[in-house]
Amino acid sequence: KPVIREFGNIKPTRFGPRFVEEREPLVDVMEEDDEVVVIAELPGVEKEDIDLRCDGHELIISVDTERRKYYKQLELPAEVDPSSARASYKNGVLEVKLKKVRPERKGERIKVE
C-alpha cells in the first residue's frame, strides 16, 4: 500500500490525500546568540501582501492573493520579543529578525553568612 507524505500543497488525511490552495514556502530558521532569523522564499508576491504574526513562541507567515497563496506556521527555537521584529523582502526572499527574550532570574537573592 503506498504511503502519502506531506509535500508542497498535498496534505495526507485519513480519507486520502487532500489538495490545499496554500503553498508552504521553503523556510530556514537560524538561532544566533541574541536573535532568531527566519528566511522564507515567497516568489511572485509584493511585500504589501505578506502578513506576519508572532506571539513570542510562533511565527505565522501568510500571503493570500488571487495569484499566490502561501501559509507557514513555525515554532521558534527560543522565546522572542515580537515588538523587536524587523522584516525585509527582496527578490522573493523574506528575512525576519527577532530578538530573543532574556530569561529573567526568578526568586530572591539569598545572602550566604
PDB file of N, CA and C in Angstrom:
ATOM      1  N   LYS A   1       0.852  -1.182   0.000  1.00  0.00           N
ATOM      2  CA  LYS A   1       0.000   0.000   0.000  1.00  0.00           C
ATOM      3  C   LYS A   1       0.899   1.246   0.000  1.00  0.00           C
ATOM      4  N   PRO A   2       0.669   2.196  -0.907  1.00  0.00           N
ATOM      5  CA  PRO A   2       1.516   3.386  -0.953  1.00  0.00           C
ATOM      6  C   PRO A   2       1.272   4.283   0.263  1.00  0.00           C
ATOM      7  N   VAL A   3       2.315   4.980   0.655  1.00  0.00           N
ATOM      8  CA  VAL A   3       2.232   5.905   1.783  1.00  0.00           C
ATOM      9  C   VAL A   3       2.281   7.320   1.223  1.00  0.00           C
ATOM     10  N   ILE A   4       1.299   8.141   1.591  1.00  0.00           N
ATOM     11  CA  ILE A   4       1.254   9.533   1.152  1.00  0.00           C
ATOM     12  C   ILE A   4       1.869  10.388   2.255  1.00  0.00           C
ATOM     13  N   ARG A   5       2.911  11.128   1.903  1.00  0.00           N
ATOM     14  CA  ARG A   5       3.538  12.035   2.856  1.00  0.00           C
ATOM     15  C   ARG A   5       3.224  13.460   2.448  1.00  0.00           C
ATOM     16  N   GLU A   6       3.293  14.350   3.426  1.00  0.00           N
ATOM     17  CA  GLU A   6       3.049  15.759   3.150  1.00  0.00           C
ATOM     18  C   GLU A   6       4.145  16.280   2.234  1.00  0.00           C
ATOM     19  N   PHE A   7       3.746  16.948   1.159  1.00  0.00           N
ATOM     20  CA  PHE A   7       4.702  17.532   0.240  1.00  0.00           C
ATOM     21  C   PHE A   7       4.033  18.694  -0.470  1.00  0.00           C
ATOM     22  N   GLY A   8       4.670  19.866  -0.411  1.00  0.00           N
ATOM     23  CA  GLY A   8       4.116  21.023  -1.100  1.00  0.00           C
ATOM     24  C   GLY A   8       2.726  21.342  -0.608  1.00  0.00           C
ATOM     25  N   ASN A   9       1.755  21.314  -1.515  1.00  0.00           N
ATOM     26  CA  ASN A   9       0.386  21.640  -1.127  1.00  0.00           C
ATOM     27  C   ASN A   9      -0.514  20.405  -1.107  1.00  0.00           C
ATOM     28  N   ILE A  10       0.078  19.226  -0.938  1.00  0.00           N
ATOM     29  CA  ILE A  10      -0.694  17.988  -0.784  1.00  0.00           C
ATOM     30  C   ILE A  10      -0.541  17.525   0.654  1.00  0.00           C
ATOM     31  N   LYS A  11      -1.658  17.433   1.364  1.00  0.00           N
ATOM     32  CA  LYS A  11      -1.648  17.056   2.774  1.00  0.00           C
ATOM     33  C   LYS A  11      -2.318  15.700   2.944  1.00  0.00           C
ATOM     34  N   PRO A  12      -1.685  14.794   3.697  1.00  0.00           N
ATOM     35  CA  PRO A  12      -2.326  13.498   3.933  1.00  0.00           C
ATOM     36  C   PRO A  12      -3.439  13.632   4.970  1.00  0.00           C
ATOM     37  N   THR A  13      -4.525  12.929   4.744  1.00  0.00           N
ATOM     38  CA  THR A  13      -5.605  12.844   5.725  1.00  0.00           C
ATOM     39  C   THR A  13      -6.011  11.387   5.817  1.00  0.00           C
ATOM     40  N   ARG A  14      -6.828  11.069   6.778  1.00  0.00           N
ATOM     41  CA  ARG A  14      -7.236   9.665   6.898  1.00  0.00           C
ATOM     42  C   ARG A  14      -8.172   9.247   5.771  1.00  0.00           C
ATOM     43  N   PHE A  15      -8.687  10.228   5.024  1.00  0.00           N
ATOM     44  CA  PHE A  15      -9.563   9.935   3.888  1.00  0.00           C
ATOM     45  C   PHE A  15      -8.811   9.959   2.563  1.00  0.00           C
ATOM     46  N   GLY A  16      -7.497  10.090   2.626  1.00  0.00           N
ATOM     47  CA  GLY A  16      -6.685  10.149   1.416  1.00  0.00           C
ATOM     48  C   GLY A  16      -6.031  11.514   1.275  1.00  0.00           C
ATOM     49  N   PRO A  17      -5.198  11.692   0.263  1.00  0.00           N
ATOM     50  CA  PRO A  17      -4.502  12.969   0.106  1.00  0.00           C
ATOM     51  C   PRO A  17      -5.480  14.104  -0.191  1.00  0.00           C
ATOM     52  N   ARG A  18      -5.177  15.284   0.361  1.00  0.00           N
ATOM     53  CA  ARG A  18      -6.027  16.456   0.173  1.00  0.00           C
ATOM     54  C   ARG A  18      -5.172  17.574  -0.412  1.00  0.00           C
ATOM     55  N   PHE A  19      -5.692  18.218  -1.433  1.00  0.00           N
ATOM     56  CA  PHE A  19      -5.024  19.339  -2.077  1.00  0.00           C
ATOM     57  C   PHE A  19      -5.462  20.620  -1.376  1.00  0.00           C
ATOM     58  N   VAL A  20      -4.508  21.452  -0.977  1.00  0.00           N
ATOM     59  CA  VAL A  20      -4.848  22.736  -0.366  1.00  0.00           C
ATOM     60  C   VAL A  20      -4.350  23.854  -1.269  1.00  0.00           C
ATOM     61  N   GLU A  21      -5.057  24.983  -1.218  1.00  0.00           N
ATOM     62  CA  GLU A  21      -4.699  26.106  -2.087  1.00  0.00           C
ATOM     63  C   GLU A  21      -3.388  26.761  -1.686  1.00  0.00           C
ATOM     64  N   GLU A  22      -3.126  26.830  -0.375  1.00  0.00           N
ATOM     65  CA  GLU A  22      -1.912  27.494   0.078  1.00  0.00           C
ATOM     66  C   GLU A  22      -0.698  26.607  -0.151  1.00  0.00           C
ATOM     67  N   ARG A  23       0.341  27.220  -0.614  1.00  0.00           N
ATOM     68  CA  ARG A  23       1.611  26.507  -0.723  1.00  0.00           C
ATOM     69  C   ARG A  23       2.395  26.775   0.551  1.00  0.00           C
ATOM     70  N   GLU A  24       3.243  25.839   0.895  1.00  0.00           N
ATOM     71  CA  GLU A  24       4.091  26.022   2.062  1.00  0.00           C
ATOM     72  C   GLU A  24       5.450  26.495   1.572  1.00  0.00           C
ATOM     73  N   PRO A  25       5.844  27.727   1.930  1.00  0.00           N
ATOM     74  CA  PRO A  25       7.121  28.234   1.427  1.00  0.00           C
ATOM     75  C   PRO A  25       8.306  27.498   2.042  1.00  0.00           C
ATOM     76  N   LEU A  26       9.415  27.497   1.319  1.00  0.00           N
ATOM     77  CA  LEU A  26      10.659  26.955   1.865  1.00  0.00           C
ATOM     78  C   LEU A  26      11.159  27.936   2.922  1.00  0.00           C
ATOM     79  N   VAL A  27      11.473  27.414   4.103  1.00  0.00           N
ATOM     80  CA  VAL A  27      11.842  28.271   5.229  1.00  0.00           C
ATOM     81  C   VAL A  27      13.095  27.730   5.901  1.00  0.00           C
ATOM     82  N   ASP A  28      13.956  28.645   6.320  1.00  0.00           N
ATOM     83  CA  ASP A  28      15.144  28.294   7.092  1.00  0.00           C
ATOM     84  C   ASP A  28      15.116  29.122   8.368  1.00  0.00           C
ATOM     85  N   VAL A  29      15.311  28.477   9.519  1.00  0.00           N
ATOM     86  CA  VAL A  29      15.311  29.159  10.810  1.00  0.00           C
ATOM     87  C   VAL A  29      16.697  29.002  11.421  1.00  0.00           C
ATOM     88  N   MET A  30      17.297  30.137  11.786  1.00  0.00           N
ATOM     89  CA  MET A  30      18.633  30.111  12.389  1.00  0.00           C
ATOM     90  C   MET A  30      18.584  30.793  13.747  1.00  0.00           C
ATOM     91  N   GLU A  31      19.151  30.134  14.733  1.00  0.00           N
ATOM     92  CA  GLU A  31      19.219  30.706  16.075  1.00  0.00           C
ATOM     93  C   GLU A  31      20.627  31.227  16.290  1.00  0.00           C
ATOM     94  N   GLU A  32      20.726  32.526  16.543  1.00  0.00           N
ATOM     95  CA  GLU A  32      22.015  33.143  16.819  1.00  0.00           C
ATOM     96  C   GLU A  32      22.064  33.498  18.303  1.00  0.00           C
ATOM     97  N   ASP A  33      23.150  34.126  18.743  1.00  0.00           N
ATOM     98  CA  ASP A  33      23.323  34.409  20.169  1.00  0.00           C
ATOM     99  C   ASP A  33      22.162  35.193  20.771  1.00  0.00           C
ATOM    100  N   ASP A  34      21.792  36.295  20.117  1.00  0.00           N
ATOM    101  CA  ASP A  34      20.768  37.156  20.708  1.00  0.00           C
ATOM    102  C   ASP A  34      19.526  37.323  19.840  1.00  0.00           C
ATOM    103  N   GLU A  35      19.424  36.577  18.744  1.00  0.00           N
ATOM    104  CA  GLU A  35      18.242  36.704  17.899  1.00  0.00           C
ATOM    105  C   GLU A  35      17.958  35.417  17.135  1.00  0.00           C
ATOM    106  N   VAL A  36      16.732  35.357  16.617  1.00  0.00           N
ATOM    107  CA  VAL A  36      16.303  34.262  15.749  1.00  0.00           C
ATOM    108  C   VAL A  36      16.069  34.875  14.374  1.00  0.00           C
ATOM    109  N   VAL A  37      16.617  34.246  13.345  1.00  0.00           N
ATOM    110  CA  VAL A  37      16.472  34.743  11.978  1.00  0.00           C
ATOM    111  C   VAL A  37      15.692  33.708  11.173  1.00  0.00           C
ATOM    112  N   VAL A  38      14.629  34.170  10.514  1.00  0.00           N
ATOM    113  CA  VAL A  38      13.805  33.304   9.670  1.00  0.00           C
ATOM    114  C   VAL A  38      13.914  33.817   8.240  1.00  0.00           C
ATOM    115  N   ILE A  39      14.249  32.922   7.320  1.00  0.00           N
ATOM    116  CA  ILE A  39      14.327  33.272   5.901  1.00  0.00           C
ATOM    117  C   ILE A  39      13.336  32.388   5.154  1.00  0.00           C
ATOM    118  N   ALA A  40      12.458  33.023   4.372  1.00  0.00           N
ATOM    119  CA  ALA A  40      11.425  32.284   3.637  1.00  0.00           C
ATOM    120  C   ALA A  40      11.421  32.716   2.179  1.00  0.00           C
ATOM    121  N   GLU A  41      11.242  31.742   1.295  1.00  0.00           N
ATOM    122  CA  GLU A  41      11.129  32.034  -0.132  1.00  0.00           C
ATOM    123  C   GLU A  41       9.660  32.241  -0.473  1.00  0.00           C
ATOM    124  N   LEU A  42       9.327  33.457  -0.912  1.00  0.00           N
ATOM    125  CA  LEU A  42       7.952  33.807  -1.283  1.00  0.00           C
ATOM    126  C   LEU A  42       7.958  34.476  -2.657  1.00  0.00           C
ATOM    127  N   PRO A  43       8.261  33.742  -3.710  1.00  0.00           N
ATOM    128  CA  PRO A  43       8.337  34.367  -5.030  1.00  0.00           C
ATOM    129  C   PRO A  43       6.966  34.780  -5.556  1.00  0.00           C
ATOM    130  N   GLY A  44       6.985  35.863  -6.336  1.00  0.00           N
ATOM    131  CA  GLY A  44       5.771  36.263  -7.041  1.00  0.00           C
ATOM    132  C   GLY A  44       4.773  37.058  -6.235  1.00  0.00           C
ATOM    133  N   VAL A  45       5.190  37.626  -5.092  1.00  0.00           N
ATOM    134  CA  VAL A  45       4.263  38.438  -4.297  1.00  0.00           C
ATOM    135  C   VAL A  45       4.878  39.803  -4.030  1.00  0.00           C
ATOM    136  N   GLU A  46       4.042  40.739  -3.639  1.00  0.00           N
ATOM    137  CA  GLU A  46       4.503  42.067  -3.240  1.00  0.00           C
ATOM    138  C   GLU A  46       4.638  42.092  -1.723  1.00  0.00           C
ATOM    139  N   LYS A  47       5.529  42.938  -1.206  1.00  0.00           N
ATOM    140  CA  LYS A  47       5.736  42.966   0.244  1.00  0.00           C
ATOM    141  C   LYS A  47       4.470  43.372   0.988  1.00  0.00           C
ATOM    142  N   GLU A  48       3.603  44.155   0.342  1.00  0.00           N
ATOM    143  CA  GLU A  48       2.353  44.577   0.969  1.00  0.00           C
ATOM    144  C   GLU A  48       1.388  43.405   1.174  1.00  0.00           C
ATOM    145  N   ASP A  49       1.587  42.317   0.428  1.00  0.00           N
ATOM    146  CA  ASP A  49       0.704  41.147   0.525  1.00  0.00           C
ATOM    147  C   ASP A  49       1.115  40.181   1.634  1.00  0.00           C
ATOM    148  N   ILE A  50       2.277  40.399   2.235  1.00  0.00           N
ATOM    149  CA  ILE A  50       2.791  39.473   3.251  1.00  0.00           C
ATOM    150  C   ILE A  50       2.236  39.851   4.616  1.00  0.00           C
ATOM    151  N   ASP A  51       1.640  38.878   5.294  1.00  0.00           N
ATOM    152  CA  ASP A  51       1.101  39.078   6.641  1.00  0.00           C
ATOM    153  C   ASP A  51       1.941  38.252   7.610  1.00  0.00           C
ATOM    154  N   LEU A  52       2.601  38.930   8.540  1.00  0.00           N
ATOM    155  CA  LEU A  52       3.431  38.263   9.546  1.00  0.00           C
ATOM    156  C   LEU A  52       2.799  38.455  10.913  1.00  0.00           C
ATOM    157  N   ARG A  53       2.747  37.369  11.693  1.00  0.00           N
ATOM    158  CA  ARG A  53       2.218  37.445  13.057  1.00  0.00           C
ATOM    159  C   ARG A  53       3.121  36.629  13.967  1.00  0.00           C
ATOM    160  N   CYS A  54       3.374  37.186  15.157  1.00  0.00           N
ATOM    161  CA  CYS A  54       4.241  36.497  16.113  1.00  0.00           C
ATOM    162  C   CYS A  54       3.690  36.696  17.517  1.00  0.00           C
ATOM    163  N   ASP A  55       3.682  35.611  18.295  1.00  0.00           N
ATOM    164  CA  ASP A  55       3.222  35.700  19.684  1.00  0.00           C
ATOM    165  C   ASP A  55       4.361  35.484  20.678  1.00  0.00           C
ATOM    166  N   GLY A  56       5.583  35.430  20.201  1.00  0.00           N
ATOM    167  CA  GLY A  56       6.722  35.200  21.073  1.00  0.00           C
ATOM    168  C   GLY A  56       7.250  33.780  20.993  1.00  0.00           C
ATOM    169  N   HIS A  57       6.383  32.842  20.616  1.00  0.00           N
ATOM    170  CA  HIS A  57       6.780  31.434  20.504  1.00  0.00           C
ATOM    171  C   HIS A  57       6.622  30.900  19.082  1.00  0.00           C
ATOM    172  N   GLU A  58       5.691  31.497  18.322  1.00  0.00           N
ATOM    173  CA  GLU A  58       5.407  31.053  16.951  1.00  0.00           C
ATOM    174  C   GLU A  58       5.428  32.240  16.007  1.00  0.00           C
ATOM    175  N   LEU A  59       5.800  31.967  14.765  1.00  0.00           N
ATOM    176  CA  LEU A  59       5.731  32.960  13.703  1.00  0.00           C
ATOM    177  C   LEU A  59       4.834  32.389  12.619  1.00  0.00           C
ATOM    178  N   ILE A  60       3.866  33.193  12.175  1.00  0.00           N
ATOM    179  CA  ILE A  60       2.977  32.785  11.086  1.00  0.00           C
ATOM    180  C   ILE A  60       3.249  33.695   9.894  1.00  0.00           C
ATOM    181  N   ILE A  61       3.529  33.072   8.763  1.00  0.00           N
ATOM    182  CA  ILE A  61       3.749  33.782   7.507  1.00  0.00           C
ATOM    183  C   ILE A  61       2.592  33.416   6.595  1.00  0.00           C
ATOM    184  N   SER A  62       1.870  34.425   6.096  1.00  0.00           N
ATOM    185  CA  SER A  62       0.783  34.112   5.167  1.00  0.00           C
ATOM    186  C   SER A  62       0.695  35.160   4.066  1.00  0.00           C
ATOM    187  N   VAL A  63       0.308  34.692   2.905  1.00  0.00           N
ATOM    188  CA  VAL A  63       0.066  35.528   1.735  1.00  0.00           C
ATOM    189  C   VAL A  63      -1.210  35.006   1.108  1.00  0.00           C
ATOM    190  N   ASP A  64      -2.141  35.907   0.803  1.00  0.00           N
ATOM    191  CA  ASP A  64      -3.398  35.491   0.188  1.00  0.00           C
ATOM    192  C   ASP A  64      -3.749  36.472  -0.927  1.00  0.00           C
ATOM    193  N   THR A  65      -3.324  36.159  -2.152  1.00  0.00           N
ATOM    194  CA  THR A  65      -3.655  36.984  -3.308  1.00  0.00           C
ATOM    195  C   THR A  65      -4.360  36.098  -4.331  1.00  0.00           C
ATOM    196  N   GLU A  66      -4.845  36.707  -5.393  1.00  0.00           N
ATOM    197  CA  GLU A  66      -5.510  35.917  -6.437  1.00  0.00           C
ATOM    198  C   GLU A  66      -4.540  34.942  -7.090  1.00  0.00           C
ATOM    199  N   ARG A  67      -3.293  35.395  -7.286  1.00  0.00           N
ATOM    200  CA  ARG A  67      -2.311  34.561  -7.996  1.00  0.00           C
ATOM    201  C   ARG A  67      -1.573  33.584  -7.099  1.00  0.00           C
ATOM    202  N   ARG A  68      -1.279  33.984  -5.865  1.00  0.00           N
ATOM    203  CA  ARG A  68      -0.459  33.146  -4.979  1.00  0.00           C
ATOM    204  C   ARG A  68      -1.042  33.108  -3.576  1.00  0.00           C
ATOM    205  N   LYS A  69      -0.916  31.927  -2.959  1.00  0.00           N
ATOM    206  CA  LYS A  69      -1.320  31.753  -1.564  1.00  0.00           C
ATOM    207  C   LYS A  69      -0.226  30.946  -0.872  1.00  0.00           C
ATOM    208  N   TYR A  70       0.312  31.514   0.199  1.00  0.00           N
ATOM    209  CA  TYR A  70       1.326  30.832   0.998  1.00  0.00           C
ATOM    210  C   TYR A  70       0.875  30.834   2.452  1.00  0.00           C
ATOM    211  N   TYR A  71       1.252  29.787   3.186  1.00  0.00           N
ATOM    212  CA  TYR A  71       0.973  29.746   4.624  1.00  0.00           C
ATOM    213  C   TYR A  71       2.009  28.863   5.304  1.00  0.00           C
ATOM    214  N   LYS A  72       2.591  29.388   6.366  1.00  0.00           N
ATOM    215  CA  LYS A  72       3.551  28.610   7.153  1.00  0.00           C
ATOM    216  C   LYS A  72       3.462  29.056   8.607  1.00  0.00           C
ATOM    217  N   GLN A  73       3.308  28.084   9.488  1.00  0.00           N
ATOM    218  CA  GLN A  73       3.286  28.338  10.927  1.00  0.00           C
ATOM    219  C   GLN A  73       4.527  27.672  11.513  1.00  0.00           C
ATOM    220  N   LEU A  74       5.391  28.480  12.124  1.00  0.00           N
ATOM    221  CA  LEU A  74       6.671  27.989  12.627  1.00  0.00           C
ATOM    222  C   LEU A  74       6.746  28.089  14.141  1.00  0.00           C
ATOM    223  N   GLU A  75       7.203  27.034  14.768  1.00  0.00           N
ATOM    224  CA  GLU A  75       7.521  27.116  16.190  1.00  0.00           C
ATOM    225  C   GLU A  75       8.966  27.589  16.274  1.00  0.00           C
ATOM    226  N   LEU A  76       9.183  28.694  16.974  1.00  0.00           N
ATOM    227  CA  LEU A  76      10.515  29.276  17.050  1.00  0.00           C
ATOM    228  C   LEU A  76      11.372  28.535  18.077  1.00  0.00           C
ATOM    229  N   PRO A  77      12.695  28.471  17.854  1.00  0.00           N
ATOM    230  CA  PRO A  77      13.568  27.705  18.750  1.00  0.00           C
ATOM    231  C   PRO A  77      13.808  28.368  20.104  1.00  0.00           C
ATOM    232  N   ALA A  78      13.423  29.638  20.250  1.00  0.00           N
ATOM    233  CA  ALA A  78      13.595  30.354  21.514  1.00  0.00           C
ATOM    234  C   ALA A  78      12.475  31.381  21.632  1.00  0.00           C
ATOM    235  N   GLU A  79      12.202  31.813  22.852  1.00  0.00           N
ATOM    236  CA  GLU A  79      11.191  32.855  23.043  1.00  0.00           C
ATOM    237  C   GLU A  79      11.755  34.177  22.531  1.00  0.00           C
ATOM    238  N   VAL A  80      10.930  34.923  21.787  1.00  0.00           N
ATOM    239  CA  VAL A  80      11.370  36.181  21.192  1.00  0.00           C
ATOM    240  C   VAL A  80      10.428  37.309  21.593  1.00  0.00           C
ATOM    241  N   ASP A  81      10.891  38.535  21.380  1.00  0.00           N
ATOM    242  CA  ASP A  81      10.087  39.729  21.632  1.00  0.00           C
ATOM    243  C   ASP A  81       9.465  40.161  20.303  1.00  0.00           C
ATOM    244  N   PRO A  82       8.154  39.960  20.122  1.00  0.00           N
ATOM    245  CA  PRO A  82       7.526  40.305  18.838  1.00  0.00           C
ATOM    246  C   PRO A  82       7.684  41.778  18.457  1.00  0.00           C
ATOM    247  N   SER A  83       7.755  42.671  19.456  1.00  0.00           N
ATOM    248  CA  SER A  83       7.876  44.097  19.146  1.00  0.00           C
ATOM    249  C   SER A  83       9.260  44.451  18.597  1.00  0.00           C
ATOM    250  N   SER A  84      10.225  43.539  18.717  1.00  0.00           N
ATOM    251  CA  SER A  84      11.575  43.796  18.209  1.00  0.00           C
ATOM    252  C   SER A  84      11.746  43.341  16.761  1.00  0.00           C
ATOM    253  N   ALA A  85      10.717  42.781  16.175  1.00  0.00           N
ATOM    254  CA  ALA A  85      10.825  42.169  14.844  1.00  0.00           C
ATOM    255  C   ALA A  85      11.186  43.194  13.775  1.00  0.00           C
ATOM    256  N   ARG A  86      12.110  42.781  12.901  1.00  0.00           N
ATOM    257  CA  ARG A  86      12.467  43.558  11.719  1.00  0.00           C
ATOM    258  C   ARG A  86      12.346  42.617  10.530  1.00  0.00           C
ATOM    259  N   ALA A  87      11.621  43.038   9.511  1.00  0.00           N
ATOM    260  CA  ALA A  87      11.414  42.178   8.344  1.00  0.00           C
ATOM    261  C   ALA A  87      11.769  42.938   7.076  1.00  0.00           C
ATOM    262  N   SER A  88      12.389  42.214   6.136  1.00  0.00           N
ATOM    263  CA  SER A  88      12.682  42.797   4.829  1.00  0.00           C
ATOM    264  C   SER A  88      12.339  41.766   3.760  1.00  0.00           C
ATOM    265  N   TYR A  89      11.979  42.272   2.575  1.00  0.00           N
ATOM    266  CA  TYR A  89      11.595  41.399   1.465  1.00  0.00           C
ATOM    267  C   TYR A  89      12.281  41.914   0.212  1.00  0.00           C
ATOM    268  N   LYS A  90      13.087  41.055  -0.397  1.00  0.00           N
ATOM    269  CA  LYS A  90      13.823  41.469  -1.593  1.00  0.00           C
ATOM    270  C   LYS A  90      14.005  40.266  -2.504  1.00  0.00           C
ATOM    271  N   ASN A  91      13.681  40.431  -3.777  1.00  0.00           N
ATOM    272  CA  ASN A  91      13.862  39.383  -4.796  1.00  0.00           C
ATOM    273  C   ASN A  91      13.213  38.061  -4.404  1.00  0.00           C
ATOM    274  N   GLY A  92      12.020  38.124  -3.816  1.00  0.00           N
ATOM    275  CA  GLY A  92      11.289  36.906  -3.476  1.00  0.00           C
ATOM    276  C   GLY A  92      11.717  36.236  -2.183  1.00  0.00           C
ATOM    277  N   VAL A  93      12.628  36.877  -1.436  1.00  0.00           N
ATOM    278  CA  VAL A  93      13.114  36.290  -0.184  1.00  0.00           C
ATOM    279  C   VAL A  93      12.745  37.199   0.986  1.00  0.00           C
ATOM    280  N   LEU A  94      12.036  36.626   1.947  1.00  0.00           N
ATOM    281  CA  LEU A  94      11.640  37.336   3.165  1.00  0.00           C
ATOM    282  C   LEU A  94      12.632  36.995   4.272  1.00  0.00           C
ATOM    283  N   GLU A  95      13.121  38.018   4.963  1.00  0.00           N
ATOM    284  CA  GLU A  95      14.007  37.798   6.111  1.00  0.00           C
ATOM    285  C   GLU A  95      13.396  38.488   7.324  1.00  0.00           C
ATOM    286  N   VAL A  96      13.204  37.723   8.401  1.00  0.00           N
ATOM    287  CA  VAL A  96      12.634  38.256   9.638  1.00  0.00           C
ATOM    288  C   VAL A  96      13.647  38.029  10.750  1.00  0.00           C
ATOM    289  N   LYS A  97      13.976  39.109  11.471  1.00  0.00           N
ATOM    290  CA  LYS A  97      14.894  39.018  12.611  1.00  0.00           C
ATOM    291  C   LYS A  97      14.119  39.370  13.872  1.00  0.00           C
ATOM    292  N   LEU A  98      14.220  38.493  14.870  1.00  0.00           N
ATOM    293  CA  LEU A  98      13.506  38.676  16.134  1.00  0.00           C
ATOM    294  C   LEU A  98      14.490  38.544  17.289  1.00  0.00           C
ATOM    295  N   LYS A  99      14.498  39.537  18.171  1.00  0.00           N
ATOM    296  CA  LYS A  99      15.390  39.486  19.335  1.00  0.00           C
ATOM    297  C   LYS A  99      14.872  38.479  20.343  1.00  0.00           C
ATOM    298  N   LYS A 100      15.800  37.705  20.904  1.00  0.00           N
ATOM    299  CA  LYS A 100      15.440  36.735  21.937  1.00  0.00           C
ATOM    300  C   LYS A 100      15.104  37.456  23.243  1.00  0.00           C
ATOM    301  N   VAL A 101      14.214  36.852  23.997  1.00  0.00           N
ATOM    302  CA  VAL A 101      13.886  37.357  25.324  1.00  0.00           C
ATOM    303  C   VAL A 101      14.895  36.750  26.287  1.00  0.00           C
ATOM    304  N   ARG A 102      15.532  37.584  27.046  1.00  0.00           N
ATOM    305  CA  ARG A 102      16.487  37.089  28.042  1.00  0.00           C
ATOM    306  C   ARG A 102      15.704  36.551  29.234  1.00  0.00           C
ATOM    307  N   PRO A 103      15.946  35.313  29.606  1.00  0.00           N
ATOM    308  CA  PRO A 103      15.216  34.780  30.760  1.00  0.00           C
ATOM    309  C   PRO A 103      15.608  35.539  32.025  1.00  0.00           C
ATOM    310  N   GLU A 104      14.593  35.997  32.735  1.00  0.00           N
ATOM    311  CA  GLU A 104      14.850  36.725  33.973  1.00  0.00           C
ATOM    312  C   GLU A 104      15.094  35.723  35.089  1.00  0.00           C
ATOM    313  N   ARG A 105      16.003  36.083  35.946  1.00  0.00           N
ATOM    314  CA  ARG A 105      16.253  35.216  37.088  1.00  0.00           C
ATOM    315  C   ARG A 105      15.095  35.354  38.053  1.00  0.00           C
ATOM    316  N   LYS A 106      14.565  34.221  38.440  1.00  0.00           N
ATOM    317  CA  LYS A 106      13.411  34.241  39.328  1.00  0.00           C
ATOM    318  C   LYS A 106      13.861  34.024  40.760  1.00  0.00           C
ATOM    319  N   GLY A 107      13.072  34.527  41.650  1.00  0.00           N
ATOM    320  CA  GLY A 107      13.370  34.348  43.066  1.00  0.00           C
ATOM    321  C   GLY A 107      14.139  35.524  43.642  1.00  0.00           C
ATOM    322  N   GLU A 108      14.366  35.440  44.912  1.00  0.00           N
ATOM    323  CA  GLU A 108      15.054  36.499  45.629  1.00  0.00           C
ATOM    324  C   GLU A 108      16.446  36.014  46.009  1.00  0.00           C
ATOM    325  N   ARG A 109      17.402  36.898  45.891  1.00  0.00           N
ATOM    326  CA  ARG A 109      18.786  36.540  46.220  1.00  0.00           C
ATOM    327  C   ARG A 109      18.917  36.285  47.721  1.00  0.00           C
ATOM    328  N   ILE A 110      19.639  35.240  48.056  1.00  0.00           N
ATOM    329  CA  ILE A 110      19.842  34.871  49.459  1.00  0.00           C
ATOM    330  C   ILE A 110      21.307  35.085  49.800  1.00  0.00           C
ATOM    331  N   LYS A 111      21.525  35.842  50.841  1.00  0.00           N
ATOM    332  CA  LYS A 111      22.893  36.122  51.281  1.00  0.00           C
ATOM    333  C   LYS A 111      23.409  34.934  52.086  1.00  0.00           C
ATOM    334  N   VAL A 112      24.602  34.508  51.754  1.00  0.00           N
ATOM    335  CA  VAL A 112      25.230  33.402  52.479  1.00  0.00           C
ATOM    336  C   VAL A 112      26.069  33.989  53.608  1.00  0.00           C
ATOM    337  N   GLU A 113      25.838  33.524  54.847  1.00  0.00           N
ATOM    338  CA  GLU A 113      26.575  34.043  56.011  1.00  0.00           C
ATOM    339  C   GLU A 113      27.698  33.126  56.398  1.00  0.00           C
TER     340      GLU A 113
END
